[in-house]
Amino acid sequence: MTYYITAAPLGQTVRVTAKVVAEAVKLSPGSISKSISRLVNGGWLSLAFRVGRVPFYRAGDQVLALAAGDEGDQGGSQLATVRQLPVRMTTDE
């Protein structure tokens, strides 16, 4: 997803094929295709248009909502957990 978010200004179409994305991130085209499908189904990517059978994508509504600061439509799923590491105090003697 990071590739799609950083490859074009937010909300604009990334004008490269999934094959090019696969080469750029060093994954197989099949893995990229499955990942794209999951991201589209989750609202993280959105189909912008097709040229023949080749789809092109842009950031989806989930990304745009996060960028706008609207965290209300995340389906209640937590994006990450942040935990503080314990701090051990030492005495200088």
PDB file of N, CA and C in Angstrom:
ATOM      1  N   MET A   1       0.833  -1.187   0.000  1.00  0.00           N
ATOM      2  CA  MET A   1       0.000   0.000   0.000  1.00  0.00           C
ATOM      3  C   MET A   1       0.875   1.247   0.000  1.00  0.00           C
ATOM      4  N   THR A   2       2.005   1.183   0.673  1.00  0.00           N
ATOM      5  CA  THR A   2       2.878   2.348   0.738  1.00  0.00           C
ATOM      6  C   THR A   2       3.264   2.814  -0.662  1.00  0.00           C
ATOM      7  N   TYR A   3       3.496   1.883  -1.553  1.00  0.00           N
ATOM      8  CA  TYR A   3       3.846   2.263  -2.923  1.00  0.00           C
ATOM      9  C   TYR A   3       2.749   3.131  -3.529  1.00  0.00           C
ATOM     10  N   TYR A   4       1.501   2.700  -3.383  1.00  0.00           N
ATOM     11  CA  TYR A   4       0.386   3.438  -3.978  1.00  0.00           C
ATOM     12  C   TYR A   4       0.158   4.788  -3.309  1.00  0.00           C
ATOM     13  N   ILE A   5       0.459   4.891  -2.024  1.00  0.00           N
ATOM     14  CA  ILE A   5       0.243   6.145  -1.310  1.00  0.00           C
ATOM     15  C   ILE A   5       1.330   7.165  -1.637  1.00  0.00           C
ATOM     16  N   THR A   6       2.537   6.690  -1.920  1.00  0.00           N
ATOM     17  CA  THR A   6       3.644   7.611  -2.149  1.00  0.00           C
ATOM     18  C   THR A   6       3.986   7.812  -3.624  1.00  0.00           C
ATOM     19  N   ALA A   7       3.414   7.021  -4.526  1.00  0.00           N
ATOM     20  CA  ALA A   7       3.772   7.103  -5.947  1.00  0.00           C
ATOM     21  C   ALA A   7       3.085   8.258  -6.674  1.00  0.00           C
ATOM     22  N   ALA A   8       2.058   8.833  -6.079  1.00  0.00           N
ATOM     23  CA  ALA A   8       1.329   9.949  -6.697  1.00  0.00           C
ATOM     24  C   ALA A   8       0.762  10.814  -5.575  1.00  0.00           C
ATOM     25  N   PRO A   9       0.456  12.066  -5.854  1.00  0.00           N
ATOM     26  CA  PRO A   9      -0.186  12.885  -4.821  1.00  0.00           C
ATOM     27  C   PRO A   9      -1.467  12.203  -4.315  1.00  0.00           C
ATOM     28  N   LEU A  10      -1.724  12.347  -3.036  1.00  0.00           N
ATOM     29  CA  LEU A  10      -2.836  11.667  -2.389  1.00  0.00           C
ATOM     30  C   LEU A  10      -4.151  11.901  -3.124  1.00  0.00           C
ATOM     31  N   GLY A  11      -4.819  10.814  -3.468  1.00  0.00           N
ATOM     32  CA  GLY A  11      -6.090  10.883  -4.165  1.00  0.00           C
ATOM     33  C   GLY A  11      -5.984  10.804  -5.675  1.00  0.00           C
ATOM     34  N   GLN A  12      -4.773  10.974  -6.212  1.00  0.00           N
ATOM     35  CA  GLN A  12      -4.603  10.885  -7.657  1.00  0.00           C
ATOM     36  C   GLN A  12      -4.242   9.459  -8.052  1.00  0.00           C
ATOM     37  N   THR A  13      -4.477   9.135  -9.295  1.00  0.00           N
ATOM     38  CA  THR A  13      -4.247   7.782  -9.801  1.00  0.00           C
ATOM     39  C   THR A  13      -2.760   7.502  -9.949  1.00  0.00           C
ATOM     40  N   VAL A  14      -2.356   6.302  -9.523  1.00  0.00           N
ATOM     41  CA  VAL A  14      -0.992   5.824  -9.748  1.00  0.00           C
ATOM     42  C   VAL A  14      -1.000   5.200 -11.134  1.00  0.00           C
ATOM     43  N   ARG A  15      -0.273   5.791 -12.047  1.00  0.00           N
ATOM     44  CA  ARG A  15      -0.338   5.383 -13.450  1.00  0.00           C
ATOM     45  C   ARG A  15       0.760   4.382 -13.810  1.00  0.00           C
ATOM     46  N   VAL A  16       0.844   3.317 -13.027  1.00  0.00           N
ATOM     47  CA  VAL A  16       1.725   2.198 -13.333  1.00  0.00           C
ATOM     48  C   VAL A  16       0.927   0.911 -13.160  1.00  0.00           C
ATOM     49  N   THR A  17       1.345  -0.122 -13.855  1.00  0.00           N
ATOM     50  CA  THR A  17       0.640  -1.402 -13.794  1.00  0.00           C
ATOM     51  C   THR A  17       1.073  -2.192 -12.564  1.00  0.00           C
ATOM     52  N   ALA A  18       0.289  -3.194 -12.228  1.00  0.00           N
ATOM     53  CA  ALA A  18       0.627  -4.065 -11.096  1.00  0.00           C
ATOM     54  C   ALA A  18       1.956  -4.771 -11.340  1.00  0.00           C
ATOM     55  N   LYS A  19       2.274  -5.059 -12.592  1.00  0.00           N
ATOM     56  CA  LYS A  19       3.552  -5.691 -12.926  1.00  0.00           C
ATOM     57  C   LYS A  19       4.721  -4.778 -12.538  1.00  0.00           C
ATOM     58  N   VAL A  20       4.588  -3.503 -12.826  1.00  0.00           N
ATOM     59  CA  VAL A  20       5.638  -2.536 -12.472  1.00  0.00           C
ATOM     60  C   VAL A  20       5.748  -2.420 -10.950  1.00  0.00           C
ATOM     61  N   VAL A  21       4.617  -2.403 -10.264  1.00  0.00           N
ATOM     62  CA  VAL A  21       4.620  -2.359  -8.803  1.00  0.00           C
ATOM     63  C   VAL A  21       5.321  -3.592  -8.251  1.00  0.00           C
ATOM     64  N   ALA A  22       5.018  -4.765  -8.801  1.00  0.00           N
ATOM     65  CA  ALA A  22       5.639  -6.020  -8.351  1.00  0.00           C
ATOM     66  C   ALA A  22       7.155  -5.954  -8.501  1.00  0.00           C
ATOM     67  N   GLU A  23       7.615  -5.441  -9.628  1.00  0.00           N
ATOM     68  CA  GLU A  23       9.063  -5.309  -9.838  1.00  0.00           C
ATOM     69  C   GLU A  23       9.675  -4.311  -8.862  1.00  0.00           C
ATOM     70  N   ALA A  24       8.978  -3.218  -8.595  1.00  0.00           N
ATOM     71  CA  ALA A  24       9.505  -2.177  -7.708  1.00  0.00           C
ATOM     72  C   ALA A  24       9.630  -2.655  -6.264  1.00  0.00           C
ATOM     73  N   VAL A  25       8.675  -3.466  -5.812  1.00  0.00           N
ATOM     74  CA  VAL A  25       8.703  -3.919  -4.415  1.00  0.00           C
ATOM     75  C   VAL A  25       9.249  -5.343  -4.282  1.00  0.00           C
ATOM     76  N   LYS A  26       9.707  -5.900  -5.400  1.00  0.00           N
ATOM     77  CA  LYS A  26      10.366  -7.210  -5.430  1.00  0.00           C
ATOM     78  C   LYS A  26       9.463  -8.337  -4.927  1.00  0.00           C
ATOM     79  N   LEU A  27       8.218  -8.341  -5.401  1.00  0.00           N
ATOM     80  CA  LEU A  27       7.275  -9.415  -5.116  1.00  0.00           C
ATOM     81  C   LEU A  27       6.754  -9.965  -6.435  1.00  0.00           C
ATOM     82  N   SER A  28       6.181 -11.151  -6.383  1.00  0.00           N
ATOM     83  CA  SER A  28       5.633 -11.739  -7.604  1.00  0.00           C
ATOM     84  C   SER A  28       4.352 -11.006  -8.005  1.00  0.00           C
ATOM     85  N   PRO A  29       4.053 -10.992  -9.307  1.00  0.00           N
ATOM     86  CA  PRO A  29       2.802 -10.362  -9.748  1.00  0.00           C
ATOM     87  C   PRO A  29       1.570 -10.983  -9.081  1.00  0.00           C
ATOM     88  N   GLY A  30       1.598 -12.295  -8.823  1.00  0.00           N
ATOM     89  CA  GLY A  30       0.476 -12.950  -8.141  1.00  0.00           C
ATOM     90  C   GLY A  30       0.276 -12.428  -6.734  1.00  0.00           C
ATOM     91  N   SER A  31       1.374 -12.227  -6.002  1.00  0.00           N
ATOM     92  CA  SER A  31       1.286 -11.683  -4.639  1.00  0.00           C
ATOM     93  C   SER A  31       0.748 -10.263  -4.658  1.00  0.00           C
ATOM     94  N   ILE A  32       1.201  -9.474  -5.608  1.00  0.00           N
ATOM     95  CA  ILE A  32       0.722  -8.094  -5.724  1.00  0.00           C
ATOM     96  C   ILE A  32      -0.761  -8.080  -6.051  1.00  0.00           C
ATOM     97  N   SER A  33      -1.188  -8.950  -6.964  1.00  0.00           N
ATOM     98  CA  SER A  33      -2.597  -9.015  -7.337  1.00  0.00           C
ATOM     99  C   SER A  33      -3.478  -9.355  -6.128  1.00  0.00           C
ATOM    100  N   LYS A  34      -3.056 -10.331  -5.335  1.00  0.00           N
ATOM    101  CA  LYS A  34      -3.811 -10.701  -4.128  1.00  0.00           C
ATOM    102  C   LYS A  34      -3.827  -9.551  -3.126  1.00  0.00           C
ATOM    103  N   SER A  35      -2.685  -8.899  -2.955  1.00  0.00           N
ATOM    104  CA  SER A  35      -2.608  -7.773  -2.014  1.00  0.00           C
ATOM    105  C   SER A  35      -3.502  -6.625  -2.451  1.00  0.00           C
ATOM    106  N   ILE A  36      -3.481  -6.324  -3.743  1.00  0.00           N
ATOM    107  CA  ILE A  36      -4.327  -5.247  -4.262  1.00  0.00           C
ATOM    108  C   ILE A  36      -5.796  -5.581  -4.023  1.00  0.00           C
ATOM    109  N   SER A  37      -6.186  -6.817  -4.291  1.00  0.00           N
ATOM    110  CA  SER A  37      -7.585  -7.227  -4.065  1.00  0.00           C
ATOM    111  C   SER A  37      -7.992  -7.032  -2.614  1.00  0.00           C
ATOM    112  N   ARG A  38      -7.122  -7.418  -1.689  1.00  0.00           N
ATOM    113  CA  ARG A  38      -7.417  -7.239  -0.258  1.00  0.00           C
ATOM    114  C   ARG A  38      -7.535  -5.759   0.104  1.00  0.00           C
ATOM    115  N   LEU A  39      -6.636  -4.947  -0.440  1.00  0.00           N
ATOM    116  CA  LEU A  39      -6.667  -3.515  -0.146  1.00  0.00           C
ATOM    117  C   LEU A  39      -7.907  -2.847  -0.730  1.00  0.00           C
ATOM    118  N   VAL A  40      -8.328  -3.270  -1.908  1.00  0.00           N
ATOM    119  CA  VAL A  40      -9.556  -2.727  -2.515  1.00  0.00           C
ATOM    120  C   VAL A  40     -10.762  -3.143  -1.675  1.00  0.00           C
ATOM    121  N   ASN A  41     -10.825  -4.412  -1.295  1.00  0.00           N
ATOM    122  CA  ASN A  41     -11.955  -4.899  -0.485  1.00  0.00           C
ATOM    123  C   ASN A  41     -12.035  -4.192   0.862  1.00  0.00           C
ATOM    124  N   GLY A  42     -10.904  -3.800   1.417  1.00  0.00           N
ATOM    125  CA  GLY A  42     -10.875  -3.107   2.701  1.00  0.00           C
ATOM    126  C   GLY A  42     -11.063  -1.594   2.596  1.00  0.00           C
ATOM    127  N   GLY A  43     -11.140  -1.080   1.381  1.00  0.00           N
ATOM    128  CA  GLY A  43     -11.326   0.359   1.207  1.00  0.00           C
ATOM    129  C   GLY A  43     -10.038   1.161   1.227  1.00  0.00           C
ATOM    130  N   TRP A  44      -8.877   0.479   1.230  1.00  0.00           N
ATOM    131  CA  TRP A  44      -7.596   1.181   1.289  1.00  0.00           C
ATOM    132  C   TRP A  44      -7.133   1.628  -0.095  1.00  0.00           C
ATOM    133  N   LEU A  45      -7.537   0.895  -1.138  1.00  0.00           N
ATOM    134  CA  LEU A  45      -7.290   1.294  -2.524  1.00  0.00           C
ATOM    135  C   LEU A  45      -8.622   1.340  -3.249  1.00  0.00           C
ATOM    136  N   SER A  46      -8.673   2.133  -4.301  1.00  0.00           N
ATOM    137  CA  SER A  46      -9.891   2.264  -5.084  1.00  0.00           C
ATOM    138  C   SER A  46      -9.540   2.196  -6.565  1.00  0.00           C
ATOM    139  N   LEU A  47     -10.339   1.461  -7.336  1.00  0.00           N
ATOM    140  CA  LEU A  47     -10.130   1.404  -8.778  1.00  0.00           C
ATOM    141  C   LEU A  47     -10.420   2.779  -9.366  1.00  0.00           C
ATOM    142  N   ALA A  48      -9.430   3.350 -10.041  1.00  0.00           N
ATOM    143  CA  ALA A  48      -9.613   4.669 -10.647  1.00  0.00           C
ATOM    144  C   ALA A  48     -10.187   4.533 -12.059  1.00  0.00           C
ATOM    145  N   PHE A  49      -9.581   3.665 -12.873  1.00  0.00           N
ATOM    146  CA  PHE A  49     -10.062   3.416 -14.228  1.00  0.00           C
ATOM    147  C   PHE A  49      -9.356   2.192 -14.781  1.00  0.00           C
ATOM    148  N   ARG A  50      -9.806   1.754 -15.941  1.00  0.00           N
ATOM    149  CA  ARG A  50      -9.180   0.645 -16.660  1.00  0.00           C
ATOM    150  C   ARG A  50      -8.823   1.099 -18.073  1.00  0.00           C
ATOM    151  N   VAL A  51      -7.737   0.561 -18.575  1.00  0.00           N
ATOM    152  CA  VAL A  51      -7.371   0.711 -19.980  1.00  0.00           C
ATOM    153  C   VAL A  51      -7.359  -0.713 -20.524  1.00  0.00           C
ATOM    154  N   GLY A  52      -8.406  -1.060 -21.251  1.00  0.00           N
ATOM    155  CA  GLY A  52      -8.571  -2.449 -21.662  1.00  0.00           C
ATOM    156  C   GLY A  52      -8.845  -3.291 -20.428  1.00  0.00           C
ATOM    157  N   ARG A  53      -7.976  -4.262 -20.185  1.00  0.00           N
ATOM    158  CA  ARG A  53      -8.132  -5.115 -18.994  1.00  0.00           C
ATOM    159  C   ARG A  53      -7.189  -4.699 -17.860  1.00  0.00           C
ATOM    160  N   VAL A  54      -6.430  -3.640 -18.047  1.00  0.00           N
ATOM    161  CA  VAL A  54      -5.428  -3.219 -17.057  1.00  0.00           C
ATOM    162  C   VAL A  54      -6.034  -2.185 -16.112  1.00  0.00           C
ATOM    163  N   PRO A  55      -6.137  -2.538 -14.811  1.00  0.00           N
ATOM    164  CA  PRO A  55      -6.698  -1.589 -13.844  1.00  0.00           C
ATOM    165  C   PRO A  55      -5.633  -0.640 -13.288  1.00  0.00           C
ATOM    166  N   PHE A  56      -6.069   0.571 -12.953  1.00  0.00           N
ATOM    167  CA  PHE A  56      -5.206   1.547 -12.297  1.00  0.00           C
ATOM    168  C   PHE A  56      -5.913   1.999 -11.025  1.00  0.00           C
ATOM    169  N   TYR A  57      -5.146   2.226  -9.969  1.00  0.00           N
ATOM    170  CA  TYR A  57      -5.711   2.469  -8.643  1.00  0.00           C
ATOM    171  C   TYR A  57      -5.269   3.805  -8.069  1.00  0.00           C
ATOM    172  N   ARG A  58      -5.989   4.232  -7.058  1.00  0.00           N
ATOM    173  CA  ARG A  58      -5.646   5.416  -6.269  1.00  0.00           C
ATOM    174  C   ARG A  58      -5.907   5.071  -4.809  1.00  0.00           C
ATOM    175  N   ALA A  59      -5.515   5.949  -3.912  1.00  0.00           N
ATOM    176  CA  ALA A  59      -5.785   5.744  -2.486  1.00  0.00           C
ATOM    177  C   ALA A  59      -7.290   5.659  -2.273  1.00  0.00           C
ATOM    178  N   GLY A  60      -7.709   4.726  -1.430  1.00  0.00           N
ATOM    179  CA  GLY A  60      -9.130   4.526  -1.179  1.00  0.00           C
ATOM    180  C   GLY A  60      -9.673   5.436  -0.090  1.00  0.00           C
ATOM    181  N   ASP A  61     -10.949   5.263   0.189  1.00  0.00           N
ATOM    182  CA  ASP A  61     -11.636   6.112   1.166  1.00  0.00           C
ATOM    183  C   ASP A  61     -11.045   6.005   2.565  1.00  0.00           C
ATOM    184  N   GLN A  62     -10.569   4.818   2.939  1.00  0.00           N
ATOM    185  CA  GLN A  62      -9.966   4.652   4.273  1.00  0.00           C
ATOM    186  C   GLN A  62      -8.741   5.557   4.420  1.00  0.00           C
ATOM    187  N   VAL A  63      -7.902   5.577   3.408  1.00  0.00           N
ATOM    188  CA  VAL A  63      -6.684   6.409   3.443  1.00  0.00           C
ATOM    189  C   VAL A  63      -7.045   7.886   3.460  1.00  0.00           C
ATOM    190  N   LEU A  64      -8.000   8.266   2.614  1.00  0.00           N
ATOM    191  CA  LEU A  64      -8.395   9.668   2.539  1.00  0.00           C
ATOM    192  C   LEU A  64      -9.020  10.131   3.855  1.00  0.00           C
ATOM    193  N   ALA A  65      -9.790   9.253   4.506  1.00  0.00           N
ATOM    194  CA  ALA A  65     -10.388   9.599   5.802  1.00  0.00           C
ATOM    195  C   ALA A  65      -9.305   9.788   6.862  1.00  0.00           C
ATOM    196  N   LEU A  66      -8.311   8.910   6.859  1.00  0.00           N
ATOM    197  CA  LEU A  66      -7.210   9.069   7.825  1.00  0.00           C
ATOM    198  C   LEU A  66      -6.422  10.345   7.561  1.00  0.00           C
ATOM    199  N   ALA A  67      -6.197  10.650   6.287  1.00  0.00           N
ATOM    200  CA  ALA A  67      -5.448  11.860   5.939  1.00  0.00           C
ATOM    201  C   ALA A  67      -6.210  13.111   6.354  1.00  0.00           C
ATOM    202  N   ALA A  68      -7.541  13.035   6.310  1.00  0.00           N
ATOM    203  CA  ALA A  68      -8.368  14.180   6.697  1.00  0.00           C
ATOM    204  C   ALA A  68      -8.575  14.262   8.203  1.00  0.00           C
ATOM    205  N   GLY A  69      -8.102  13.249   8.916  1.00  0.00           N
ATOM    206  CA  GLY A  69      -8.257  13.248  10.366  1.00  0.00           C
ATOM    207  C   GLY A  69      -9.568  12.662  10.831  1.00  0.00           C
ATOM    208  N   ASP A  70     -10.354  12.079   9.932  1.00  0.00           N
ATOM    209  CA  ASP A  70     -11.634  11.453  10.281  1.00  0.00           C
ATOM    210  C   ASP A  70     -11.396   9.971  10.546  1.00  0.00           C
ATOM    211  N   GLU A  71     -11.360   9.590  11.800  1.00  0.00           N
ATOM    212  CA  GLU A  71     -11.087   8.212  12.156  1.00  0.00           C
ATOM    213  C   GLU A  71     -12.360   7.438  12.450  1.00  0.00           C
ATOM    214  N   GLY A  72     -13.510   7.974  12.084  1.00  0.00           N
ATOM    215  CA  GLY A  72     -14.774   7.342  12.426  1.00  0.00           C
ATOM    216  C   GLY A  72     -15.124   6.133  11.583  1.00  0.00           C
ATOM    217  N   ASP A  73     -14.581   5.979  10.374  1.00  0.00           N
ATOM    218  CA  ASP A  73     -14.998   4.904   9.485  1.00  0.00           C
ATOM    219  C   ASP A  73     -13.899   3.868   9.283  1.00  0.00           C
ATOM    220  N   GLN A  74     -13.386   3.336  10.361  1.00  0.00           N
ATOM    221  CA  GLN A  74     -12.363   2.309  10.268  1.00  0.00           C
ATOM    222  C   GLN A  74     -12.895   0.942  10.646  1.00  0.00           C
ATOM    223  N   GLY A  75     -14.181   0.825  10.826  1.00  0.00           N
ATOM    224  CA  GLY A  75     -14.758  -0.462  11.151  1.00  0.00           C
ATOM    225  C   GLY A  75     -14.380  -0.961  12.521  1.00  0.00           C
ATOM    226  N   GLY A  76     -13.936  -0.082  13.395  1.00  0.00           N
ATOM    227  CA  GLY A  76     -13.574  -0.472  14.748  1.00  0.00           C
ATOM    228  C   GLY A  76     -12.262  -1.231  14.845  1.00  0.00           C
ATOM    229  N   SER A  77     -11.549  -1.370  13.735  1.00  0.00           N
ATOM    230  CA  SER A  77     -10.294  -2.111  13.784  1.00  0.00           C
ATOM    231  C   SER A  77      -9.152  -1.177  14.179  1.00  0.00           C
ATOM    232  N   GLN A  78      -8.307  -1.702  15.008  1.00  0.00           N
ATOM    233  CA  GLN A  78      -7.170  -0.942  15.503  1.00  0.00           C
ATOM    234  C   GLN A  78      -6.030  -1.074  14.498  1.00  0.00           C
ATOM    235  N   LEU A  79      -5.400   0.026  14.127  1.00  0.00           N
ATOM    236  CA  LEU A  79      -4.328  -0.011  13.148  1.00  0.00           C
ATOM    237  C   LEU A  79      -3.019  -0.507  13.745  1.00  0.00           C
ATOM    238  N   ALA A  80      -2.747  -0.137  14.981  1.00  0.00           N
ATOM    239  CA  ALA A  80      -1.495  -0.540  15.617  1.00  0.00           C
ATOM    240  C   ALA A  80      -1.620  -0.409  17.124  1.00  0.00           C
ATOM    241  N   THR A  81      -0.733  -1.107  17.817  1.00  0.00           N
ATOM    242  CA  THR A  81      -0.654  -0.997  19.262  1.00  0.00           C
ATOM    243  C   THR A  81       0.713  -0.426  19.612  1.00  0.00           C
ATOM    244  N   VAL A  82       0.728   0.587  20.425  1.00  0.00           N
ATOM    245  CA  VAL A  82       1.980   1.202  20.841  1.00  0.00           C
ATOM    246  C   VAL A  82       2.159   0.944  22.321  1.00  0.00           C
ATOM    247  N   ARG A  83       3.315   0.426  22.670  1.00  0.00           N
ATOM    248  CA  ARG A  83       3.616   0.161  24.077  1.00  0.00           C
ATOM    249  C   ARG A  83       4.938   0.822  24.424  1.00  0.00           C
ATOM    250  N   GLN A  84       4.991   1.352  25.625  1.00  0.00           N
ATOM    251  CA  GLN A  84       6.210   1.969  26.108  1.00  0.00           C
ATOM    252  C   GLN A  84       7.126   0.895  26.691  1.00  0.00           C
ATOM    253  N   LEU A  85       8.408   1.024  26.432  1.00  0.00           N
ATOM    254  CA  LEU A  85       9.368   0.121  27.057  1.00  0.00           C
ATOM    255  C   LEU A  85       9.624   0.585  28.482  1.00  0.00           C
ATOM    256  N   PRO A  86       9.840  -0.350  29.400  1.00  0.00           N
ATOM    257  CA  PRO A  86      10.129   0.066  30.776  1.00  0.00           C
ATOM    258  C   PRO A  86      11.481   0.789  30.837  1.00  0.00           C
ATOM    259  N   VAL A  87      11.547   1.756  31.695  1.00  0.00           N
ATOM    260  CA  VAL A  87      12.778   2.519  31.871  1.00  0.00           C
ATOM    261  C   VAL A  87      13.430   2.083  33.168  1.00  0.00           C
ATOM    262  N   ARG A  88      14.671   1.708  33.075  1.00  0.00           N
ATOM    263  CA  ARG A  88      15.421   1.297  34.273  1.00  0.00           C
ATOM    264  C   ARG A  88      16.275   2.471  34.720  1.00  0.00           C
ATOM    265  N   MET A  89      16.025   2.907  35.926  1.00  0.00           N
ATOM    266  CA  MET A  89      16.767   4.043  36.478  1.00  0.00           C
ATOM    267  C   MET A  89      18.061   3.521  37.085  1.00  0.00           C
ATOM    268  N   THR A  90      19.159   4.227  36.841  1.00  0.00           N
ATOM    269  CA  THR A  90      20.427   3.871  37.449  1.00  0.00           C
ATOM    270  C   THR A  90      20.877   5.010  38.345  1.00  0.00           C
ATOM    271  N   THR A  91      21.606   4.649  39.348  1.00  0.00           N
ATOM    272  CA  THR A  91      22.138   5.677  40.237  1.00  0.00           C
ATOM    273  C   THR A  91      23.623   5.834  39.984  1.00  0.00           C
ATOM    274  N   ASP A  92      24.057   7.055  39.939  1.00  0.00           N
ATOM    275  CA  ASP A  92      25.471   7.343  39.745  1.00  0.00           C
ATOM    276  C   ASP A  92      26.125   7.445  41.117  1.00  0.00           C
ATOM    277  N   GLU A  93      26.946   6.478  41.434  1.00  0.00           N
ATOM    278  CA  GLU A  93      27.643   6.507  42.727  1.00  0.00           C
ATOM    279  C   GLU A  93      29.107   6.561  42.563  1.00  0.00           C
TER     280      GLU A  93
END
